[in-house]
Amino acid sequence: MNFLKPVLVTVLLAAGSVTQVQAVELKESATHDERERQLIIQQTAMINSAESLQAYLNDMPSDSPFMALSPSSRERLAASLKFNEKGVTTFRTDDIEDELSVTDAHKLLSLFGAARVISFLPGLRVESDLDRRVRMGYPFRSRPGSLNVTDYPGYECVSRATCAAGLNTICMSGC
């Protein structure tokens, strides 16, 4: 229901049913709710720490989404994944974009609670109806800040709340 707040605010404001101040408060509430939801997704993801990543890699199922990547890409991705108490903060995106379909990327990124990053990866292959449906759920965004969550493609998390320029990486909002 929180995803409807911005739409509702616009309708109510246009109809004169809320004041400008009330509209701003409602929009801020929706933004906070979405940020909180995304942080919960990251914190409760199957892989949400360096320890859980190592445990997963040590006992990786044969049907793991990681297996859709080439062996060298798997190694690069695993080495690039960084975490803090909020979950994943940074990882490489180039191999994901170069090698995976939208659906395979969704499965892989969901392991870290980072499926929303699909919105920043226009090069993902669309090969099936499911790929098209997943892509529609994550429309391409060239700039951070939409959807009330700020992830930064082209940056990496270097310390708490600090993103620095990076090559083929993304700095997640929980940095």
Protein backbone atom coordinates (compact mmCIF):
# COMPACT_ATOMS: atom_id res chain seq x y z
CA MET A 1 0.00 0.00 0.00
CA ASN A 2 2.92 2.37 0.67
CA PHE A 3 3.83 2.36 -3.02
CA LEU A 4 0.51 4.16 -3.66
CA LYS A 5 1.28 7.05 -1.30
CA PRO A 6 3.00 9.27 -3.91
CA VAL A 7 0.11 8.78 -6.34
CA LEU A 8 -2.45 9.42 -3.63
CA VAL A 9 -0.61 12.57 -2.53
CA THR A 10 -0.66 13.93 -6.09
CA VAL A 11 -4.38 13.22 -6.49
CA LEU A 12 -5.29 14.71 -3.11
CA LEU A 13 -3.14 17.78 -3.71
CA ALA A 14 -4.70 18.35 -7.14
CA ALA A 15 -8.18 17.98 -5.67
CA GLY A 16 -7.38 20.45 -2.91
CA SER A 17 -7.98 17.83 -0.23
CA VAL A 18 -4.56 18.28 1.39
CA THR A 19 -2.30 21.26 1.96
CA GLN A 20 1.18 21.55 0.47
CA VAL A 21 2.69 20.82 3.92
CA GLN A 22 0.55 17.68 4.33
CA ALA A 23 1.57 16.55 0.84
CA VAL A 24 5.27 16.92 1.66
CA GLU A 25 4.80 14.97 4.91
CA LEU A 26 3.02 12.15 3.07
CA LYS A 27 5.74 11.97 0.39
CA GLU A 28 8.48 11.91 3.04
CA SER A 29 6.65 9.10 4.82
CA ALA A 30 6.46 7.07 1.60
CA THR A 31 10.18 7.67 0.94
CA HIS A 32 11.10 6.52 4.45
CA ASP A 33 8.87 3.44 4.13
CA GLU A 34 10.50 2.40 0.84
CA ARG A 35 14.03 2.92 2.17
CA GLU A 36 13.19 0.89 5.25
CA ARG A 37 11.66 -1.89 3.13
CA GLN A 38 14.78 -2.08 0.96
CA LEU A 39 17.08 -2.22 3.99
CA ILE A 40 14.99 -5.04 5.46
CA ILE A 41 15.27 -6.94 2.17
CA GLN A 42 19.06 -6.54 2.23
CA GLN A 43 19.41 -7.46 5.91
CA THR A 44 17.26 -10.58 5.63
CA ALA A 45 18.67 -11.81 2.32
CA MET A 46 20.12 -15.32 2.18
CA ILE A 47 23.58 -13.79 1.67
CA ASN A 48 23.87 -10.71 3.86
CA SER A 49 27.41 -10.89 5.25
CA ALA A 50 30.90 -12.05 4.31
CA GLU A 51 30.33 -15.08 6.54
CA SER A 52 27.05 -16.07 4.89
CA LEU A 53 28.66 -15.59 1.46
CA GLN A 54 31.54 -17.89 2.37
CA ALA A 55 29.18 -20.51 3.79
CA TYR A 56 27.05 -20.36 0.63
CA LEU A 57 30.07 -20.65 -1.67
CA ASN A 58 31.45 -23.57 0.35
CA ASP A 59 28.20 -25.52 0.00
CA MET A 60 26.79 -24.03 -3.21
CA PRO A 61 23.88 -26.00 -4.68
CA SER A 62 24.31 -27.21 -8.26
CA ASP A 63 21.28 -25.14 -9.31
CA SER A 64 22.56 -21.95 -7.66
CA PRO A 65 22.01 -18.71 -9.59
CA PHE A 66 25.80 -18.25 -9.33
CA MET A 67 26.18 -21.17 -11.74
CA ALA A 68 24.69 -19.08 -14.57
CA LEU A 69 27.95 -17.09 -14.54
CA SER A 70 31.20 -18.39 -16.00
CA PRO A 71 33.71 -19.63 -13.38
CA SER A 72 35.91 -16.53 -13.73
CA SER A 73 32.88 -14.22 -13.42
CA ARG A 74 31.70 -16.10 -10.31
CA GLU A 75 35.11 -15.56 -8.73
CA ARG A 76 35.16 -11.85 -9.60
CA LEU A 77 31.63 -11.31 -8.29
CA ALA A 78 32.31 -13.18 -5.04
CA ALA A 79 35.54 -11.22 -4.50
CA SER A 80 33.75 -7.91 -5.14
CA LEU A 81 30.87 -8.43 -2.70
CA LYS A 82 31.22 -6.25 0.40
CA PHE A 83 28.87 -6.12 3.38
CA ASN A 84 28.12 -4.21 6.56
CA GLU A 85 25.44 -4.67 9.23
CA LYS A 86 22.82 -3.54 6.70
CA GLY A 87 23.74 -6.22 4.17
CA VAL A 88 25.42 -5.86 0.78
CA THR A 89 27.08 -2.50 0.13
CA THR A 90 29.05 -2.99 -3.11
CA PHE A 91 29.61 -5.47 -5.91
CA ARG A 92 30.69 -5.70 -9.54
CA THR A 93 27.92 -5.48 -12.11
CA ASP A 94 29.75 -5.88 -15.43
CA ASP A 95 29.86 -9.69 -15.54
CA ILE A 96 26.22 -9.92 -14.50
CA GLU A 97 25.22 -7.57 -17.30
CA ASP A 98 27.49 -9.25 -19.87
CA GLU A 99 26.50 -12.85 -19.16
CA LEU A 100 22.98 -13.08 -17.75
CA SER A 101 19.40 -12.73 -18.81
CA VAL A 102 17.12 -10.46 -16.80
CA THR A 103 15.58 -13.47 -15.02
CA ASP A 104 18.96 -15.04 -14.17
CA ALA A 105 20.18 -11.67 -12.86
CA HIS A 106 17.04 -11.36 -10.73
CA LYS A 107 17.62 -14.80 -9.21
CA LEU A 108 21.27 -14.02 -8.48
CA LEU A 109 20.76 -10.51 -7.11
CA SER A 110 17.87 -11.70 -4.95
CA LEU A 111 20.36 -13.80 -2.98
CA PHE A 112 21.79 -10.48 -1.70
CA GLY A 113 18.54 -8.54 -1.52
CA ALA A 114 19.70 -6.45 -4.46
CA ALA A 115 17.28 -7.31 -7.28
CA ARG A 116 16.44 -3.61 -7.68
CA VAL A 117 19.89 -3.14 -9.23
CA ILE A 118 18.43 -4.66 -12.41
CA SER A 119 17.11 -1.15 -13.09
CA PHE A 120 20.70 0.01 -13.67
CA LEU A 121 21.67 -2.85 -16.02
CA PRO A 122 20.27 -2.17 -19.50
CA GLY A 123 22.52 -4.77 -21.14
CA LEU A 124 20.83 -7.78 -19.54
CA ARG A 125 19.46 -10.16 -22.16
CA VAL A 126 15.72 -10.44 -22.69
CA GLU A 127 15.10 -13.92 -24.10
CA SER A 128 11.71 -14.99 -22.80
CA ASP A 129 8.32 -13.74 -21.71
CA LEU A 130 9.46 -14.02 -18.09
CA ASP A 131 12.51 -11.87 -18.90
CA ARG A 132 10.19 -9.24 -20.39
CA ARG A 133 7.95 -9.33 -17.31
CA VAL A 134 10.89 -9.03 -14.92
CA ARG A 135 12.35 -6.16 -16.99
CA MET A 136 9.00 -4.34 -16.83
CA GLY A 137 9.10 -4.68 -13.04
CA TYR A 138 12.52 -3.00 -12.97
CA PRO A 139 12.49 -0.29 -15.66
CA PHE A 140 15.88 1.07 -16.68
CA ARG A 141 17.16 4.04 -14.67
CA SER A 142 20.27 5.87 -15.76
CA ARG A 143 20.45 7.95 -12.60
CA PRO A 144 20.18 7.12 -8.90
CA GLY A 145 17.45 8.44 -6.67
CA SER A 146 14.24 7.24 -8.25
CA LEU A 147 12.03 4.76 -6.41
CA ASN A 148 12.99 6.59 -3.20
CA VAL A 149 16.13 4.46 -2.82
CA THR A 150 19.54 5.81 -3.68
CA ASP A 151 21.98 3.30 -5.16
CA TYR A 152 24.94 4.63 -7.11
CA PRO A 153 26.08 2.77 -10.23
CA GLY A 154 29.68 3.57 -11.12
CA TYR A 155 30.60 3.90 -7.44
CA GLU A 156 31.66 1.57 -4.65
CA CYS A 157 31.20 1.72 -0.90
CA VAL A 158 34.59 2.56 0.61
CA SER A 159 33.49 3.25 4.19
CA ARG A 160 30.32 3.92 6.15
CA ALA A 161 28.06 6.27 4.14
CA THR A 162 30.88 7.00 1.68
CA CYS A 163 30.75 6.03 -1.98
CA ALA A 164 33.73 6.66 -4.27
CA ALA A 165 34.06 6.33 -8.01
CA GLY A 166 34.44 2.71 -9.05
CA LEU A 167 34.63 0.82 -12.30
CA ASN A 168 31.68 -1.47 -13.10
CA THR A 169 30.44 -1.45 -9.50
CA ILE A 170 27.45 -0.20 -7.57
CA CYS A 171 27.34 1.45 -4.15
CA MET A 172 24.16 0.37 -2.39
CA SER A 173 21.99 2.62 -0.25
CA GLY A 174 22.98 0.77 2.93
CA CYS A 175 26.64 1.78 2.56
